[in-house]
């Protein structure tokens, strides 16, 4: 294991330990949907970034097979920064869009 991979894994473990039991369950559940219903500033972005990292650590899923949607450009930027902390350069392989940008891409790819 490379030094960088170990550092990313350590960062993941450090942040995972800070979560409460319900948040840890949301992160460690890698099969099926998980609903995180919480107010502003409660860690939803952190939980989602950690869940993506957890899925990539525990499975052989390719980062470009993950779709992550946010409501705002600021949310997308924040998510990408969090992903960089936990999965490194693979964060740029995760399909991360706002809902509008994703829908626009689907439309542009299917104009006919």
N, C-alpha and C. Protein backbone atom coordinates (compact mmCIF):
# COMPACT_ATOMS: atom_id res chain seq x y z
N UNK A 1 0.85 -1.18 0.00
CA UNK A 1 0.00 0.00 0.00
C UNK A 1 0.89 1.24 0.00
N UNK A 2 0.59 2.16 -0.87
CA UNK A 2 1.40 3.36 -0.96
C UNK A 2 1.14 4.28 0.23
N UNK A 3 2.09 5.18 0.44
CA UNK A 3 1.97 6.14 1.53
C UNK A 3 0.70 6.98 1.37
N UNK A 4 0.44 7.44 0.14
CA UNK A 4 -0.73 8.28 -0.09
C UNK A 4 -2.02 7.53 0.21
N UNK A 5 -2.11 6.26 -0.21
CA UNK A 5 -3.30 5.44 0.06
C UNK A 5 -3.48 5.26 1.56
N UNK A 6 -2.41 5.02 2.27
CA UNK A 6 -2.49 4.86 3.73
C UNK A 6 -2.96 6.16 4.38
N UNK A 7 -2.46 7.28 3.90
CA UNK A 7 -2.85 8.58 4.45
C UNK A 7 -4.34 8.83 4.22
N UNK A 8 -4.84 8.49 3.03
CA UNK A 8 -6.26 8.65 2.72
C UNK A 8 -7.11 7.74 3.60
N UNK A 9 -6.66 6.51 3.79
CA UNK A 9 -7.39 5.58 4.65
C UNK A 9 -7.41 6.08 6.09
N UNK A 10 -6.29 6.62 6.55
CA UNK A 10 -6.23 7.16 7.91
C UNK A 10 -7.19 8.33 8.07
N UNK A 11 -7.26 9.21 7.07
CA UNK A 11 -8.16 10.35 7.10
C UNK A 11 -9.61 9.87 7.15
N UNK A 12 -9.92 8.85 6.36
CA UNK A 12 -11.27 8.28 6.37
C UNK A 12 -11.62 7.77 7.76
N UNK A 13 -10.73 6.96 8.35
CA UNK A 13 -10.98 6.39 9.67
C UNK A 13 -11.14 7.47 10.74
N UNK A 14 -10.31 8.49 10.65
CA UNK A 14 -10.36 9.60 11.61
C UNK A 14 -11.72 10.30 11.55
N UNK A 15 -12.20 10.59 10.34
CA UNK A 15 -13.48 11.28 10.19
C UNK A 15 -14.65 10.36 10.53
N UNK A 16 -14.53 9.07 10.22
CA UNK A 16 -15.59 8.10 10.52
C UNK A 16 -15.83 8.01 12.02
N UNK A 17 -14.76 8.05 12.79
CA UNK A 17 -14.87 7.96 14.26
C UNK A 17 -15.61 9.14 14.86
N UNK A 18 -15.65 10.27 14.16
CA UNK A 18 -16.32 11.47 14.66
C UNK A 18 -17.84 11.41 14.49
N UNK A 19 -18.32 10.45 13.70
CA UNK A 19 -19.75 10.36 13.40
C UNK A 19 -20.52 9.70 14.54
N UNK A 20 -21.80 10.06 14.68
CA UNK A 20 -22.65 9.38 15.65
C UNK A 20 -23.10 8.03 15.05
N UNK A 21 -23.72 7.15 15.84
CA UNK A 21 -24.08 5.82 15.32
C UNK A 21 -24.97 5.83 14.08
N UNK A 22 -25.94 6.75 14.01
CA UNK A 22 -26.82 6.81 12.83
C UNK A 22 -26.02 7.24 11.59
N UNK A 23 -25.11 8.18 11.76
CA UNK A 23 -24.29 8.63 10.64
C UNK A 23 -23.35 7.51 10.19
N UNK A 24 -22.78 6.78 11.15
CA UNK A 24 -21.91 5.66 10.80
C UNK A 24 -22.67 4.60 10.03
N UNK A 25 -23.92 4.36 10.41
CA UNK A 25 -24.75 3.39 9.68
C UNK A 25 -24.97 3.84 8.25
N UNK A 26 -25.25 5.13 8.06
CA UNK A 26 -25.45 5.66 6.70
C UNK A 26 -24.19 5.50 5.85
N UNK A 27 -23.03 5.70 6.46
CA UNK A 27 -21.76 5.59 5.74
C UNK A 27 -21.43 4.13 5.42
N UNK A 28 -21.64 3.24 6.38
CA UNK A 28 -21.22 1.85 6.20
C UNK A 28 -22.22 1.01 5.40
N UNK A 29 -23.43 1.52 5.18
CA UNK A 29 -24.40 0.82 4.35
C UNK A 29 -24.05 1.08 2.89
N UNK A 30 -23.57 0.04 2.22
CA UNK A 30 -23.12 0.23 0.84
C UNK A 30 -24.10 -0.35 -0.17
N UNK A 31 -25.07 -1.12 0.27
CA UNK A 31 -26.07 -1.68 -0.63
C UNK A 31 -27.36 -0.89 -0.51
N UNK A 32 -27.91 -0.50 -1.63
CA UNK A 32 -29.21 0.15 -1.65
C UNK A 32 -29.16 1.61 -1.24
N UNK A 33 -30.33 2.24 -1.29
CA UNK A 33 -30.41 3.66 -0.98
C UNK A 33 -30.36 3.94 0.52
N UNK A 34 -29.90 5.12 0.85
CA UNK A 34 -29.90 5.62 2.22
C UNK A 34 -30.42 7.04 2.17
N UNK A 35 -31.37 7.35 3.04
CA UNK A 35 -31.88 8.72 3.10
C UNK A 35 -31.27 9.41 4.31
N UNK A 36 -30.64 10.55 4.05
CA UNK A 36 -30.08 11.37 5.12
C UNK A 36 -30.92 12.64 5.16
N UNK A 37 -31.71 12.74 6.21
CA UNK A 37 -32.64 13.85 6.35
C UNK A 37 -32.18 14.69 7.54
N UNK A 38 -31.59 15.85 7.25
CA UNK A 38 -31.05 16.68 8.32
C UNK A 38 -30.99 18.13 7.86
N UNK A 39 -30.90 19.02 8.81
CA UNK A 39 -30.88 20.44 8.53
C UNK A 39 -29.51 20.91 8.06
N UNK A 40 -29.42 22.22 7.76
CA UNK A 40 -28.16 22.81 7.30
C UNK A 40 -27.05 22.68 8.35
N UNK A 41 -25.85 22.40 7.88
CA UNK A 41 -24.70 22.36 8.76
C UNK A 41 -24.61 21.15 9.66
N UNK A 42 -25.33 20.09 9.32
CA UNK A 42 -25.33 18.90 10.18
C UNK A 42 -24.43 17.77 9.68
N UNK A 43 -23.76 17.98 8.55
CA UNK A 43 -22.81 16.99 8.08
C UNK A 43 -23.26 16.10 6.93
N UNK A 44 -24.30 16.51 6.21
CA UNK A 44 -24.78 15.67 5.11
C UNK A 44 -23.72 15.47 4.03
N UNK A 45 -23.02 16.54 3.67
CA UNK A 45 -21.97 16.44 2.65
C UNK A 45 -20.88 15.49 3.13
N UNK A 46 -20.50 15.60 4.38
CA UNK A 46 -19.47 14.74 4.95
C UNK A 46 -19.90 13.27 4.90
N UNK A 47 -21.15 13.02 5.28
CA UNK A 47 -21.65 11.65 5.29
C UNK A 47 -21.65 11.07 3.88
N UNK A 48 -22.11 11.84 2.92
CA UNK A 48 -22.15 11.36 1.54
C UNK A 48 -20.75 11.10 0.99
N UNK A 49 -19.82 12.00 1.27
CA UNK A 49 -18.44 11.80 0.80
C UNK A 49 -17.83 10.57 1.45
N UNK A 50 -18.07 10.39 2.74
CA UNK A 50 -17.55 9.20 3.43
C UNK A 50 -18.21 7.92 2.90
N UNK A 51 -19.50 8.00 2.56
CA UNK A 51 -20.18 6.82 2.02
C UNK A 51 -19.59 6.44 0.66
N UNK A 52 -19.34 7.41 -0.18
CA UNK A 52 -18.71 7.13 -1.47
C UNK A 52 -17.34 6.48 -1.25
N UNK A 53 -16.55 7.04 -0.34
CA UNK A 53 -15.24 6.46 -0.03
C UNK A 53 -15.39 5.04 0.50
N UNK A 54 -16.37 4.81 1.35
CA UNK A 54 -16.60 3.48 1.90
C UNK A 54 -16.96 2.48 0.81
N UNK A 55 -17.83 2.90 -0.10
CA UNK A 55 -18.21 2.02 -1.22
C UNK A 55 -16.98 1.66 -2.05
N UNK A 56 -16.14 2.64 -2.33
CA UNK A 56 -14.94 2.39 -3.14
C UNK A 56 -13.93 1.51 -2.40
N UNK A 57 -13.85 1.65 -1.08
CA UNK A 57 -12.92 0.83 -0.30
C UNK A 57 -13.38 -0.61 -0.19
N UNK A 58 -14.69 -0.82 -0.05
CA UNK A 58 -15.22 -2.15 0.24
C UNK A 58 -15.64 -2.96 -0.97
N UNK A 59 -15.65 -2.34 -2.14
CA UNK A 59 -16.09 -3.04 -3.34
C UNK A 59 -15.08 -2.81 -4.46
N UNK A 60 -15.36 -3.43 -5.59
CA UNK A 60 -14.50 -3.21 -6.76
C UNK A 60 -15.15 -2.25 -7.75
N UNK A 61 -16.07 -1.44 -7.26
CA UNK A 61 -16.76 -0.46 -8.10
C UNK A 61 -15.76 0.60 -8.56
N UNK A 62 -15.86 0.96 -9.82
CA UNK A 62 -15.03 1.99 -10.40
C UNK A 62 -15.61 3.36 -10.04
N UNK A 63 -14.79 4.34 -9.66
CA UNK A 63 -15.32 5.67 -9.30
C UNK A 63 -16.19 6.30 -10.39
N UNK A 64 -15.91 6.01 -11.66
CA UNK A 64 -16.73 6.63 -12.71
C UNK A 64 -18.10 5.98 -12.84
N UNK A 65 -18.38 4.95 -12.05
CA UNK A 65 -19.71 4.32 -12.03
C UNK A 65 -20.57 4.87 -10.90
N UNK A 66 -20.09 5.90 -10.22
CA UNK A 66 -20.85 6.53 -9.13
C UNK A 66 -21.38 7.87 -9.63
N UNK A 67 -22.65 8.11 -9.38
CA UNK A 67 -23.29 9.37 -9.71
C UNK A 67 -23.68 10.06 -8.41
N UNK A 68 -23.23 11.28 -8.23
CA UNK A 68 -23.53 12.07 -7.05
C UNK A 68 -24.14 13.39 -7.50
N UNK A 69 -25.36 13.66 -7.04
CA UNK A 69 -26.07 14.86 -7.44
C UNK A 69 -26.24 15.81 -6.27
N UNK A 70 -26.07 17.11 -6.54
CA UNK A 70 -26.28 18.14 -5.53
C UNK A 70 -27.25 19.17 -6.09
N UNK A 71 -27.71 20.06 -5.23
CA UNK A 71 -28.64 21.10 -5.68
C UNK A 71 -27.92 22.33 -6.20
N UNK A 72 -26.73 22.60 -5.69
CA UNK A 72 -26.06 23.86 -6.05
C UNK A 72 -24.64 23.61 -6.52
N UNK A 73 -24.10 24.60 -7.25
CA UNK A 73 -22.70 24.53 -7.65
C UNK A 73 -21.80 24.51 -6.42
N UNK A 74 -22.16 25.29 -5.42
CA UNK A 74 -21.36 25.33 -4.19
C UNK A 74 -21.34 23.96 -3.52
N UNK A 75 -22.47 23.26 -3.57
CA UNK A 75 -22.54 21.91 -3.01
C UNK A 75 -21.65 20.94 -3.77
N UNK A 76 -21.61 21.09 -5.08
CA UNK A 76 -20.76 20.22 -5.91
C UNK A 76 -19.28 20.47 -5.63
N UNK A 77 -18.92 21.74 -5.47
CA UNK A 77 -17.52 22.09 -5.16
C UNK A 77 -17.15 21.53 -3.79
N UNK A 78 -18.03 21.70 -2.81
CA UNK A 78 -17.76 21.20 -1.46
C UNK A 78 -17.63 19.68 -1.47
N UNK A 79 -18.47 19.01 -2.23
CA UNK A 79 -18.41 17.54 -2.29
C UNK A 79 -17.10 17.09 -2.93
N UNK A 80 -16.68 17.73 -4.00
CA UNK A 80 -15.44 17.35 -4.67
C UNK A 80 -14.26 17.52 -3.71
N UNK A 81 -14.24 18.62 -2.95
CA UNK A 81 -13.16 18.84 -1.98
C UNK A 81 -13.14 17.75 -0.92
N UNK A 82 -14.31 17.38 -0.44
CA UNK A 82 -14.38 16.31 0.58
C UNK A 82 -13.90 14.99 -0.01
N UNK A 83 -14.34 14.69 -1.22
CA UNK A 83 -13.92 13.44 -1.86
C UNK A 83 -12.41 13.39 -2.04
N UNK A 84 -11.81 14.51 -2.39
CA UNK A 84 -10.35 14.56 -2.54
C UNK A 84 -9.65 14.17 -1.25
N UNK A 85 -10.21 14.54 -0.11
CA UNK A 85 -9.61 14.20 1.18
C UNK A 85 -9.64 12.70 1.45
N UNK A 86 -10.68 12.01 0.93
CA UNK A 86 -10.88 10.60 1.28
C UNK A 86 -10.45 9.62 0.19
N UNK A 87 -10.53 10.04 -1.08
CA UNK A 87 -10.19 9.09 -2.15
C UNK A 87 -9.12 9.63 -3.09
N UNK A 88 -8.63 10.81 -2.83
CA UNK A 88 -7.55 11.38 -3.64
C UNK A 88 -8.00 11.71 -5.05
N UNK A 89 -7.11 11.55 -6.03
CA UNK A 89 -7.41 11.93 -7.42
C UNK A 89 -8.62 11.22 -8.03
N UNK A 90 -9.00 10.07 -7.47
CA UNK A 90 -10.19 9.38 -7.96
C UNK A 90 -11.45 10.23 -7.79
N UNK A 91 -11.37 11.27 -6.96
CA UNK A 91 -12.51 12.17 -6.77
C UNK A 91 -12.92 12.81 -8.09
N UNK A 92 -11.97 12.98 -9.00
CA UNK A 92 -12.28 13.59 -10.30
C UNK A 92 -12.93 12.59 -11.25
N UNK A 93 -12.93 11.32 -10.89
CA UNK A 93 -13.58 10.30 -11.72
C UNK A 93 -15.04 10.09 -11.34
N UNK A 94 -15.42 10.48 -10.12
CA UNK A 94 -16.81 10.35 -9.68
C UNK A 94 -17.66 11.35 -10.47
N UNK A 95 -18.77 10.89 -11.01
CA UNK A 95 -19.69 11.75 -11.75
C UNK A 95 -20.45 12.61 -10.76
N UNK A 96 -20.01 13.83 -10.61
CA UNK A 96 -20.56 14.75 -9.62
C UNK A 96 -21.15 15.96 -10.33
N UNK A 97 -22.45 16.14 -10.21
CA UNK A 97 -23.16 17.19 -10.93
C UNK A 97 -24.19 17.86 -10.01
N UNK A 98 -24.63 19.03 -10.42
CA UNK A 98 -25.89 19.55 -9.89
C UNK A 98 -26.98 18.82 -10.66
N UNK A 99 -28.20 18.82 -10.12
CA UNK A 99 -29.31 18.18 -10.82
C UNK A 99 -29.48 18.79 -12.21
N UNK A 100 -29.39 20.11 -12.30
CA UNK A 100 -29.57 20.78 -13.58
C UNK A 100 -28.48 20.42 -14.58
N UNK A 101 -27.24 20.39 -14.13
CA UNK A 101 -26.13 20.05 -15.03
C UNK A 101 -26.25 18.62 -15.53
N UNK A 102 -26.65 17.71 -14.65
CA UNK A 102 -26.81 16.31 -15.05
C UNK A 102 -27.92 16.18 -16.09
N UNK A 103 -29.06 16.80 -15.82
CA UNK A 103 -30.18 16.72 -16.76
C UNK A 103 -29.80 17.34 -18.10
N UNK A 104 -29.08 18.45 -18.06
CA UNK A 104 -28.63 19.09 -19.30
C UNK A 104 -27.72 18.15 -20.09
N UNK A 105 -26.83 17.46 -19.40
CA UNK A 105 -25.94 16.53 -20.10
C UNK A 105 -26.72 15.39 -20.74
N UNK A 106 -27.71 14.86 -20.03
CA UNK A 106 -28.54 13.80 -20.59
C UNK A 106 -29.26 14.30 -21.84
N UNK A 107 -29.81 15.50 -21.78
CA UNK A 107 -30.49 16.08 -22.93
C UNK A 107 -29.53 16.25 -24.10
N UNK A 108 -28.35 16.82 -23.84
CA UNK A 108 -27.38 17.06 -24.91
C UNK A 108 -26.90 15.77 -25.56
N UNK A 109 -26.81 14.70 -24.78
CA UNK A 109 -26.37 13.42 -25.32
C UNK A 109 -27.49 12.69 -26.08
N UNK A 110 -28.72 13.16 -25.91
CA UNK A 110 -29.88 12.49 -26.53
C UNK A 110 -30.76 13.49 -27.25
N UNK A 111 -30.17 14.35 -28.05
CA UNK A 111 -30.93 15.40 -28.73
C UNK A 111 -32.00 14.84 -29.66
N UNK A 112 -31.75 13.71 -30.24
CA UNK A 112 -32.73 13.16 -31.19
C UNK A 112 -33.97 12.69 -30.45
